[in-house]
Amino acid sequence: MKKTIFEKEMEDPKFKAIYDEISAQIDIGEQIAELRHRSKLTQLQLAKKVKTSRTAIARYESGEYESFNIKTLTRIARAFRKNLKISFSS
């Protein structure tokens, strides 16, 4: 079976590392947005629960935010009555 361009690129360790990092950032933002929508909360309502600003929530959900920290993610998880789980995988 012929490999796709993406599959070939993923064989390059540098490409894969960058892809994995960006993918993780987008995934975290998507999860926050999805939980917020399911909970029928606005960004402002979530921000108040997390004790941050609406613009911070918008940044987190954007998929471009790079500076997540465990403390902030834990506060977000608690706002949704969820547990934060962080793992390493290959």
PDB file of N, CA and C in Angstrom:
ATOM      1  N   MET A   1       0.828  -1.169   0.000  1.00  0.00           N
ATOM      2  CA  MET A   1       0.000   0.000   0.000  1.00  0.00           C
ATOM      3  C   MET A   1       0.882   1.244   0.000  1.00  0.00           C
ATOM      4  N   LYS A   2       0.561   2.185  -0.852  1.00  0.00           N
ATOM      5  CA  LYS A   2       1.351   3.399  -0.993  1.00  0.00           C
ATOM      6  C   LYS A   2       1.095   4.348   0.172  1.00  0.00           C
ATOM      7  N   LYS A   3       2.177   4.915   0.725  1.00  0.00           N
ATOM      8  CA  LYS A   3       2.056   5.848   1.841  1.00  0.00           C
ATOM      9  C   LYS A   3       1.594   7.209   1.347  1.00  0.00           C
ATOM     10  N   THR A   4       0.791   7.858   2.191  1.00  0.00           N
ATOM     11  CA  THR A   4       0.368   9.216   1.879  1.00  0.00           C
ATOM     12  C   THR A   4       1.517  10.177   2.181  1.00  0.00           C
ATOM     13  N   ILE A   5       1.389  11.395   1.711  1.00  0.00           N
ATOM     14  CA  ILE A   5       2.401  12.412   1.994  1.00  0.00           C
ATOM     15  C   ILE A   5       2.511  12.615   3.504  1.00  0.00           C
ATOM     16  N   PHE A   6       1.361  12.637   4.175  1.00  0.00           N
ATOM     17  CA  PHE A   6       1.358  12.813   5.624  1.00  0.00           C
ATOM     18  C   PHE A   6       2.109  11.675   6.304  1.00  0.00           C
ATOM     19  N   GLU A   7       1.848  10.444   5.894  1.00  0.00           N
ATOM     20  CA  GLU A   7       2.530   9.289   6.500  1.00  0.00           C
ATOM     21  C   GLU A   7       4.037   9.376   6.299  1.00  0.00           C
ATOM     22  N   LYS A   8       4.451   9.819   5.121  1.00  0.00           N
ATOM     23  CA  LYS A   8       5.887   9.991   4.855  1.00  0.00           C
ATOM     24  C   LYS A   8       6.476  11.079   5.739  1.00  0.00           C
ATOM     25  N   GLU A   9       5.754  12.191   5.875  1.00  0.00           N
ATOM     26  CA  GLU A   9       6.226  13.292   6.708  1.00  0.00           C
ATOM     27  C   GLU A   9       6.336  12.875   8.173  1.00  0.00           C
ATOM     28  N   MET A  10       5.399  12.043   8.633  1.00  0.00           N
ATOM     29  CA  MET A  10       5.401  11.605  10.029  1.00  0.00           C
ATOM     30  C   MET A  10       6.597  10.712  10.356  1.00  0.00           C
ATOM     31  N   GLU A  11       7.278  10.211   9.358  1.00  0.00           N
ATOM     32  CA  GLU A  11       8.492   9.424   9.581  1.00  0.00           C
ATOM     33  C   GLU A  11       9.668  10.312   9.964  1.00  0.00           C
ATOM     34  N   ASP A  12       9.559  11.601   9.670  1.00  0.00           N
ATOM     35  CA  ASP A  12      10.605  12.566  10.035  1.00  0.00           C
ATOM     36  C   ASP A  12      10.395  12.967  11.496  1.00  0.00           C
ATOM     37  N   PRO A  13      11.350  12.668  12.379  1.00  0.00           N
ATOM     38  CA  PRO A  13      11.176  12.950  13.809  1.00  0.00           C
ATOM     39  C   PRO A  13      10.884  14.427  14.112  1.00  0.00           C
ATOM     40  N   LYS A  14      11.495  15.343  13.386  1.00  0.00           N
ATOM     41  CA  LYS A  14      11.254  16.769  13.627  1.00  0.00           C
ATOM     42  C   LYS A  14       9.817  17.131  13.263  1.00  0.00           C
ATOM     43  N   PHE A  15       9.352  16.659  12.111  1.00  0.00           N
ATOM     44  CA  PHE A  15       7.980  16.931  11.684  1.00  0.00           C
ATOM     45  C   PHE A  15       6.998  16.341  12.688  1.00  0.00           C
ATOM     46  N   LYS A  16       7.244  15.095  13.089  1.00  0.00           N
ATOM     47  CA  LYS A  16       6.340  14.417  14.017  1.00  0.00           C
ATOM     48  C   LYS A  16       6.272  15.147  15.354  1.00  0.00           C
ATOM     49  N   ALA A  17       7.402  15.617  15.852  1.00  0.00           N
ATOM     50  CA  ALA A  17       7.430  16.333  17.129  1.00  0.00           C
ATOM     51  C   ALA A  17       6.606  17.618  17.052  1.00  0.00           C
ATOM     52  N   ILE A  18       6.770  18.359  15.983  1.00  0.00           N
ATOM     53  CA  ILE A  18       6.006  19.601  15.812  1.00  0.00           C
ATOM     54  C   ILE A  18       4.529  19.283  15.654  1.00  0.00           C
ATOM     55  N   TYR A  19       4.212  18.292  14.853  1.00  0.00           N
ATOM     56  CA  TYR A  19       2.815  17.899  14.642  1.00  0.00           C
ATOM     57  C   TYR A  19       2.171  17.475  15.968  1.00  0.00           C
ATOM     58  N   ASP A  20       2.857  16.661  16.731  1.00  0.00           N
ATOM     59  CA  ASP A  20       2.314  16.176  18.001  1.00  0.00           C
ATOM     60  C   ASP A  20       2.064  17.324  18.972  1.00  0.00           C
ATOM     61  N   GLU A  21       2.979  18.287  19.010  1.00  0.00           N
ATOM     62  CA  GLU A  21       2.820  19.429  19.913  1.00  0.00           C
ATOM     63  C   GLU A  21       1.609  20.270  19.513  1.00  0.00           C
ATOM     64  N   ILE A  22       1.489  20.579  18.245  1.00  0.00           N
ATOM     65  CA  ILE A  22       0.365  21.392  17.765  1.00  0.00           C
ATOM     66  C   ILE A  22      -0.940  20.634  17.945  1.00  0.00           C
ATOM     67  N   SER A  23      -0.923  19.362  17.670  1.00  0.00           N
ATOM     68  CA  SER A  23      -2.125  18.540  17.811  1.00  0.00           C
ATOM     69  C   SER A  23      -2.611  18.523  19.255  1.00  0.00           C
ATOM     70  N   ALA A  24      -1.695  18.437  20.187  1.00  0.00           N
ATOM     71  CA  ALA A  24      -2.061  18.419  21.610  1.00  0.00           C
ATOM     72  C   ALA A  24      -2.686  19.747  22.018  1.00  0.00           C
ATOM     73  N   GLN A  25      -2.133  20.852  21.541  1.00  0.00           N
ATOM     74  CA  GLN A  25      -2.677  22.178  21.857  1.00  0.00           C
ATOM     75  C   GLN A  25      -4.098  22.324  21.330  1.00  0.00           C
ATOM     76  N   ILE A  26      -4.300  21.910  20.095  1.00  0.00           N
ATOM     77  CA  ILE A  26      -5.626  22.002  19.487  1.00  0.00           C
ATOM     78  C   ILE A  26      -6.603  21.112  20.242  1.00  0.00           C
ATOM     79  N   ASP A  27      -6.166  19.909  20.595  1.00  0.00           N
ATOM     80  CA  ASP A  27      -7.041  18.963  21.290  1.00  0.00           C
ATOM     81  C   ASP A  27      -7.495  19.514  22.640  1.00  0.00           C
ATOM     82  N   ILE A  28      -6.610  20.129  23.390  1.00  0.00           N
ATOM     83  CA  ILE A  28      -6.980  20.685  24.691  1.00  0.00           C
ATOM     84  C   ILE A  28      -8.020  21.787  24.499  1.00  0.00           C
ATOM     85  N   GLY A  29      -7.768  22.665  23.560  1.00  0.00           N
ATOM     86  CA  GLY A  29      -8.714  23.751  23.295  1.00  0.00           C
ATOM     87  C   GLY A  29     -10.073  23.244  22.860  1.00  0.00           C
ATOM     88  N   GLU A  30     -10.073  22.228  22.000  1.00  0.00           N
ATOM     89  CA  GLU A  30     -11.338  21.640  21.543  1.00  0.00           C
ATOM     90  C   GLU A  30     -12.095  20.988  22.697  1.00  0.00           C
ATOM     91  N   GLN A  31     -11.373  20.327  23.586  1.00  0.00           N
ATOM     92  CA  GLN A  31     -12.028  19.687  24.732  1.00  0.00           C
ATOM     93  C   GLN A  31     -12.665  20.723  25.652  1.00  0.00           C
ATOM     94  N   ILE A  32     -11.966  21.827  25.885  1.00  0.00           N
ATOM     95  CA  ILE A  32     -12.519  22.885  26.734  1.00  0.00           C
ATOM     96  C   ILE A  32     -13.780  23.451  26.092  1.00  0.00           C
ATOM     97  N   ALA A  33     -13.707  23.757  24.797  1.00  0.00           N
ATOM     98  CA  ALA A  33     -14.865  24.321  24.099  1.00  0.00           C
ATOM     99  C   ALA A  33     -16.043  23.342  24.102  1.00  0.00           C
ATOM    100  N   GLU A  34     -15.753  22.072  23.869  1.00  0.00           N
ATOM    101  CA  GLU A  34     -16.815  21.070  23.844  1.00  0.00           C
ATOM    102  C   GLU A  34     -17.487  20.931  25.213  1.00  0.00           C
ATOM    103  N   LEU A  35     -16.692  20.879  26.253  1.00  0.00           N
ATOM    104  CA  LEU A  35     -17.259  20.792  27.607  1.00  0.00           C
ATOM    105  C   LEU A  35     -18.102  22.029  27.922  1.00  0.00           C
ATOM    106  N   ARG A  36     -17.614  23.177  27.501  1.00  0.00           N
ATOM    107  CA  ARG A  36     -18.348  24.413  27.757  1.00  0.00           C
ATOM    108  C   ARG A  36     -19.686  24.422  27.026  1.00  0.00           C
ATOM    109  N   HIS A  37     -19.670  24.009  25.763  1.00  0.00           N
ATOM    110  CA  HIS A  37     -20.914  23.955  24.986  1.00  0.00           C
ATOM    111  C   HIS A  37     -21.893  22.945  25.579  1.00  0.00           C
ATOM    112  N   ARG A  38     -21.401  21.792  25.953  1.00  0.00           N
ATOM    113  CA  ARG A  38     -22.271  20.770  26.561  1.00  0.00           C
ATOM    114  C   ARG A  38     -22.899  21.271  27.868  1.00  0.00           C
ATOM    115  N   SER A  39     -22.135  22.082  28.586  1.00  0.00           N
ATOM    116  CA  SER A  39     -22.622  22.620  29.848  1.00  0.00           C
ATOM    117  C   SER A  39     -23.479  23.869  29.644  1.00  0.00           C
ATOM    118  N   LYS A  40     -23.601  24.278  28.396  1.00  0.00           N
ATOM    119  CA  LYS A  40     -24.388  25.468  28.031  1.00  0.00           C
ATOM    120  C   LYS A  40     -23.905  26.719  28.769  1.00  0.00           C
ATOM    121  N   LEU A  41     -22.584  26.850  28.813  1.00  0.00           N
ATOM    122  CA  LEU A  41     -21.967  28.015  29.436  1.00  0.00           C
ATOM    123  C   LEU A  41     -21.390  28.927  28.370  1.00  0.00           C
ATOM    124  N   THR A  42     -21.430  30.212  28.619  1.00  0.00           N
ATOM    125  CA  THR A  42     -20.721  31.154  27.758  1.00  0.00           C
ATOM    126  C   THR A  42     -19.264  31.180  28.204  1.00  0.00           C
ATOM    127  N   GLN A  43     -18.419  31.787  27.406  1.00  0.00           N
ATOM    128  CA  GLN A  43     -17.025  31.931  27.813  1.00  0.00           C
ATOM    129  C   GLN A  43     -16.938  32.765  29.089  1.00  0.00           C
ATOM    130  N   LEU A  44     -17.779  33.778  29.201  1.00  0.00           N
ATOM    131  CA  LEU A  44     -17.768  34.620  30.391  1.00  0.00           C
ATOM    132  C   LEU A  44     -18.189  33.837  31.633  1.00  0.00           C
ATOM    133  N   GLN A  45     -19.210  33.009  31.509  1.00  0.00           N
ATOM    134  CA  GLN A  45     -19.657  32.202  32.646  1.00  0.00           C
ATOM    135  C   GLN A  45     -18.568  31.239  33.095  1.00  0.00           C
ATOM    136  N   LEU A  46     -17.908  30.593  32.125  1.00  0.00           N
ATOM    137  CA  LEU A  46     -16.812  29.687  32.478  1.00  0.00           C
ATOM    138  C   LEU A  46     -15.673  30.469  33.111  1.00  0.00           C
ATOM    139  N   ALA A  47     -15.363  31.620  32.566  1.00  0.00           N
ATOM    140  CA  ALA A  47     -14.277  32.442  33.107  1.00  0.00           C
ATOM    141  C   ALA A  47     -14.520  32.774  34.574  1.00  0.00           C
ATOM    142  N   LYS A  48     -15.761  33.103  34.920  1.00  0.00           N
ATOM    143  CA  LYS A  48     -16.084  33.417  36.310  1.00  0.00           C
ATOM    144  C   LYS A  48     -15.882  32.205  37.205  1.00  0.00           C
ATOM    145  N   LYS A  49     -16.271  31.025  36.719  1.00  0.00           N
ATOM    146  CA  LYS A  49     -16.079  29.801  37.511  1.00  0.00           C
ATOM    147  C   LYS A  49     -14.598  29.494  37.719  1.00  0.00           C
ATOM    148  N   VAL A  50     -13.794  29.788  36.698  1.00  0.00           N
ATOM    149  CA  VAL A  50     -12.367  29.466  36.725  1.00  0.00           C
ATOM    150  C   VAL A  50     -11.548  30.604  37.358  1.00  0.00           C
ATOM    151  N   LYS A  51     -12.199  31.750  37.562  1.00  0.00           N
ATOM    152  CA  LYS A  51     -11.550  32.939  38.106  1.00  0.00           C
ATOM    153  C   LYS A  51     -10.472  33.463  37.162  1.00  0.00           C
ATOM    154  N   THR A  52     -10.905  33.661  35.908  1.00  0.00           N
ATOM    155  CA  THR A  52     -10.037  34.238  34.892  1.00  0.00           C
ATOM    156  C   THR A  52     -10.902  35.126  34.008  1.00  0.00           C
ATOM    157  N   SER A  53     -10.353  35.581  32.912  1.00  0.00           N
ATOM    158  CA  SER A  53     -11.106  36.469  32.015  1.00  0.00           C
ATOM    159  C   SER A  53     -11.723  35.696  30.851  1.00  0.00           C
ATOM    160  N   ARG A  54     -12.725  36.312  30.227  1.00  0.00           N
ATOM    161  CA  ARG A  54     -13.342  35.709  29.060  1.00  0.00           C
ATOM    162  C   ARG A  54     -12.321  35.577  27.936  1.00  0.00           C
ATOM    163  N   THR A  55     -11.444  36.577  27.798  1.00  0.00           N
ATOM    164  CA  THR A  55     -10.435  36.509  26.739  1.00  0.00           C
ATOM    165  C   THR A  55      -9.451  35.363  26.975  1.00  0.00           C
ATOM    166  N   ALA A  56      -9.184  35.044  28.240  1.00  0.00           N
ATOM    167  CA  ALA A  56      -8.301  33.899  28.529  1.00  0.00           C
ATOM    168  C   ALA A  56      -8.973  32.609  28.065  1.00  0.00           C
ATOM    169  N   ILE A  57     -10.265  32.457  28.343  1.00  0.00           N
ATOM    170  CA  ILE A  57     -10.985  31.259  27.904  1.00  0.00           C
ATOM    171  C   ILE A  57     -10.958  31.179  26.379  1.00  0.00           C
ATOM    172  N   ALA A  58     -11.176  32.302  25.716  1.00  0.00           N
ATOM    173  CA  ALA A  58     -11.130  32.324  24.245  1.00  0.00           C
ATOM    174  C   ALA A  58      -9.760  31.885  23.740  1.00  0.00           C
ATOM    175  N   ARG A  59      -8.700  32.348  24.396  1.00  0.00           N
ATOM    176  CA  ARG A  59      -7.335  31.935  24.011  1.00  0.00           C
ATOM    177  C   ARG A  59      -7.155  30.436  24.192  1.00  0.00           C
ATOM    178  N   TYR A  60      -7.613  29.904  25.337  1.00  0.00           N
ATOM    179  CA  TYR A  60      -7.460  28.476  25.609  1.00  0.00           C
ATOM    180  C   TYR A  60      -8.174  27.652  24.538  1.00  0.00           C
ATOM    181  N   GLU A  61      -9.358  28.101  24.138  1.00  0.00           N
ATOM    182  CA  GLU A  61     -10.163  27.351  23.173  1.00  0.00           C
ATOM    183  C   GLU A  61      -9.658  27.500  21.740  1.00  0.00           C
ATOM    184  N   SER A  62      -8.803  28.471  21.487  1.00  0.00           N
ATOM    185  CA  SER A  62      -8.379  28.781  20.121  1.00  0.00           C
ATOM    186  C   SER A  62      -7.548  27.683  19.457  1.00  0.00           C
ATOM    187  N   GLY A  63      -6.887  26.871  20.254  1.00  0.00           N
ATOM    188  CA  GLY A  63      -6.000  25.857  19.680  1.00  0.00           C
ATOM    189  C   GLY A  63      -4.614  26.401  19.405  1.00  0.00           C
ATOM    190  N   GLU A  64      -4.413  27.684  19.636  1.00  0.00           N
ATOM    191  CA  GLU A  64      -3.112  28.309  19.395  1.00  0.00           C
ATOM    192  C   GLU A  64      -2.376  28.620  20.691  1.00  0.00           C
ATOM    193  N   TYR A  65      -3.057  28.453  21.820  1.00  0.00           N
ATOM    194  CA  TYR A  65      -2.454  28.760  23.115  1.00  0.00           C
ATOM    195  C   TYR A  65      -1.420  27.706  23.459  1.00  0.00           C
ATOM    196  N   GLU A  66      -0.247  28.138  23.918  1.00  0.00           N
ATOM    197  CA  GLU A  66       0.866  27.219  24.166  1.00  0.00           C
ATOM    198  C   GLU A  66       1.281  27.124  25.628  1.00  0.00           C
ATOM    199  N   SER A  67       0.720  27.946  26.487  1.00  0.00           N
ATOM    200  CA  SER A  67       1.238  28.036  27.852  1.00  0.00           C
ATOM    201  C   SER A  67       0.300  27.466  28.906  1.00  0.00           C
ATOM    202  N   PHE A  68      -0.375  26.378  28.590  1.00  0.00           N
ATOM    203  CA  PHE A  68      -1.229  25.748  29.589  1.00  0.00           C
ATOM    204  C   PHE A  68      -0.385  25.335  30.781  1.00  0.00           C
ATOM    205  N   ASN A  69      -0.965  25.480  31.963  1.00  0.00           N
ATOM    206  CA  ASN A  69      -0.287  24.941  33.134  1.00  0.00           C
ATOM    207  C   ASN A  69      -1.281  24.065  33.892  1.00  0.00           C
ATOM    208  N   ILE A  70      -0.759  23.199  34.705  1.00  0.00           N
ATOM    209  CA  ILE A  70      -1.598  22.219  35.393  1.00  0.00           C
ATOM    210  C   ILE A  70      -2.595  22.907  36.325  1.00  0.00           C
ATOM    211  N   LYS A  71      -2.185  23.969  36.974  1.00  0.00           N
ATOM    212  CA  LYS A  71      -3.077  24.681  37.893  1.00  0.00           C
ATOM    213  C   LYS A  71      -4.320  25.199  37.143  1.00  0.00           C
ATOM    214  N   THR A  72      -4.119  25.829  36.009  1.00  0.00           N
ATOM    215  CA  THR A  72      -5.235  26.361  35.224  1.00  0.00           C
ATOM    216  C   THR A  72      -6.107  25.239  34.693  1.00  0.00           C
ATOM    217  N   LEU A  73      -5.500  24.206  34.155  1.00  0.00           N
ATOM    218  CA  LEU A  73      -6.272  23.083  33.630  1.00  0.00           C
ATOM    219  C   LEU A  73      -7.074  22.393  34.727  1.00  0.00           C
ATOM    220  N   THR A  74      -6.513  22.332  35.924  1.00  0.00           N
ATOM    221  CA  THR A  74      -7.225  21.736  37.063  1.00  0.00           C
ATOM    222  C   THR A  74      -8.444  22.587  37.428  1.00  0.00           C
ATOM    223  N   ARG A  75      -8.288  23.909  37.436  1.00  0.00           N
ATOM    224  CA  ARG A  75      -9.430  24.785  37.730  1.00  0.00           C
ATOM    225  C   ARG A  75     -10.518  24.640  36.668  1.00  0.00           C
ATOM    226  N   ILE A  76     -10.116  24.506  35.408  1.00  0.00           N
ATOM    227  CA  ILE A  76     -11.093  24.312  34.338  1.00  0.00           C
ATOM    228  C   ILE A  76     -11.810  22.979  34.530  1.00  0.00           C
ATOM    229  N   ALA A  77     -11.052  21.936  34.812  1.00  0.00           N
ATOM    230  CA  ALA A  77     -11.655  20.614  35.027  1.00  0.00           C
ATOM    231  C   ALA A  77     -12.655  20.665  36.177  1.00  0.00           C
ATOM    232  N   ARG A  78     -12.288  21.303  37.264  1.00  0.00           N
ATOM    233  CA  ARG A  78     -13.188  21.404  38.425  1.00  0.00           C
ATOM    234  C   ARG A  78     -14.459  22.172  38.090  1.00  0.00           C
ATOM    235  N   ALA A  79     -14.354  23.178  37.237  1.00  0.00           N
ATOM    236  CA  ALA A  79     -15.534  23.958  36.835  1.00  0.00           C
ATOM    237  C   ALA A  79     -16.563  23.064  36.144  1.00  0.00           C
ATOM    238  N   PHE A  80     -16.082  22.012  35.491  1.00  0.00           N
ATOM    239  CA  PHE A  80     -16.965  21.062  34.810  1.00  0.00           C
ATOM    240  C   PHE A  80     -17.217  19.795  35.644  1.00  0.00           C
ATOM    241  N   ARG A  81     -16.727  19.795  36.878  1.00  0.00           N
ATOM    242  CA  ARG A  81     -16.817  18.617  37.753  1.00  0.00           C
ATOM    243  C   ARG A  81     -16.171  17.395  37.093  1.00  0.00           C
ATOM    244  N   LYS A  82     -15.008  17.628  36.515  1.00  0.00           N
ATOM    245  CA  LYS A  82     -14.233  16.581  35.855  1.00  0.00           C
ATOM    246  C   LYS A  82     -12.881  16.468  36.547  1.00  0.00           C
ATOM    247  N   ASN A  83     -12.209  15.367  36.313  1.00  0.00           N
ATOM    248  CA  ASN A  83     -10.838  15.178  36.776  1.00  0.00           C
ATOM    249  C   ASN A  83      -9.897  15.467  35.620  1.00  0.00           C
ATOM    250  N   LEU A  84      -8.761  16.044  35.933  1.00  0.00           N
ATOM    251  CA  LEU A  84      -7.741  16.280  34.928  1.00  0.00           C
ATOM    252  C   LEU A  84      -6.839  15.057  34.873  1.00  0.00           C
ATOM    253  N   LYS A  85      -6.642  14.520  33.681  1.00  0.00           N
ATOM    254  CA  LYS A  85      -5.775  13.362  33.505  1.00  0.00           C
ATOM    255  C   LYS A  85      -4.720  13.734  32.476  1.00  0.00           C
ATOM    256  N   ILE A  86      -3.465  13.627  32.863  1.00  0.00           N
ATOM    257  CA  ILE A  86      -2.360  13.915  31.964  1.00  0.00           C
ATOM    258  C   ILE A  86      -1.556  12.637  31.818  1.00  0.00           C
ATOM    259  N   SER A  87      -1.223  12.284  30.590  1.00  0.00           N
ATOM    260  CA  SER A  87      -0.460  11.053  30.383  1.00  0.00           C
ATOM    261  C   SER A  87       0.527  11.213  29.249  1.00  0.00           C
ATOM    262  N   PHE A  88       1.529  10.377  29.275  1.00  0.00           N
ATOM    263  CA  PHE A  88       2.501  10.294  28.191  1.00  0.00           C
ATOM    264  C   PHE A  88       2.172   9.055  27.378  1.00  0.00           C
ATOM    265  N   SER A  89       2.189   9.199  26.079  1.00  0.00           N
ATOM    266  CA  SER A  89       1.921   8.042  25.236  1.00  0.00           C
ATOM    267  C   SER A  89       2.788   8.101  23.991  1.00  0.00           C
ATOM    268  N   SER A  90       2.872   7.019  23.324  1.00  0.00           N
ATOM    269  CA  SER A  90       3.685   6.981  22.094  1.00  0.00           C
ATOM    270  C   SER A  90       2.814   6.745  20.892  1.00  0.00           C
TER     271      SER A  90
END
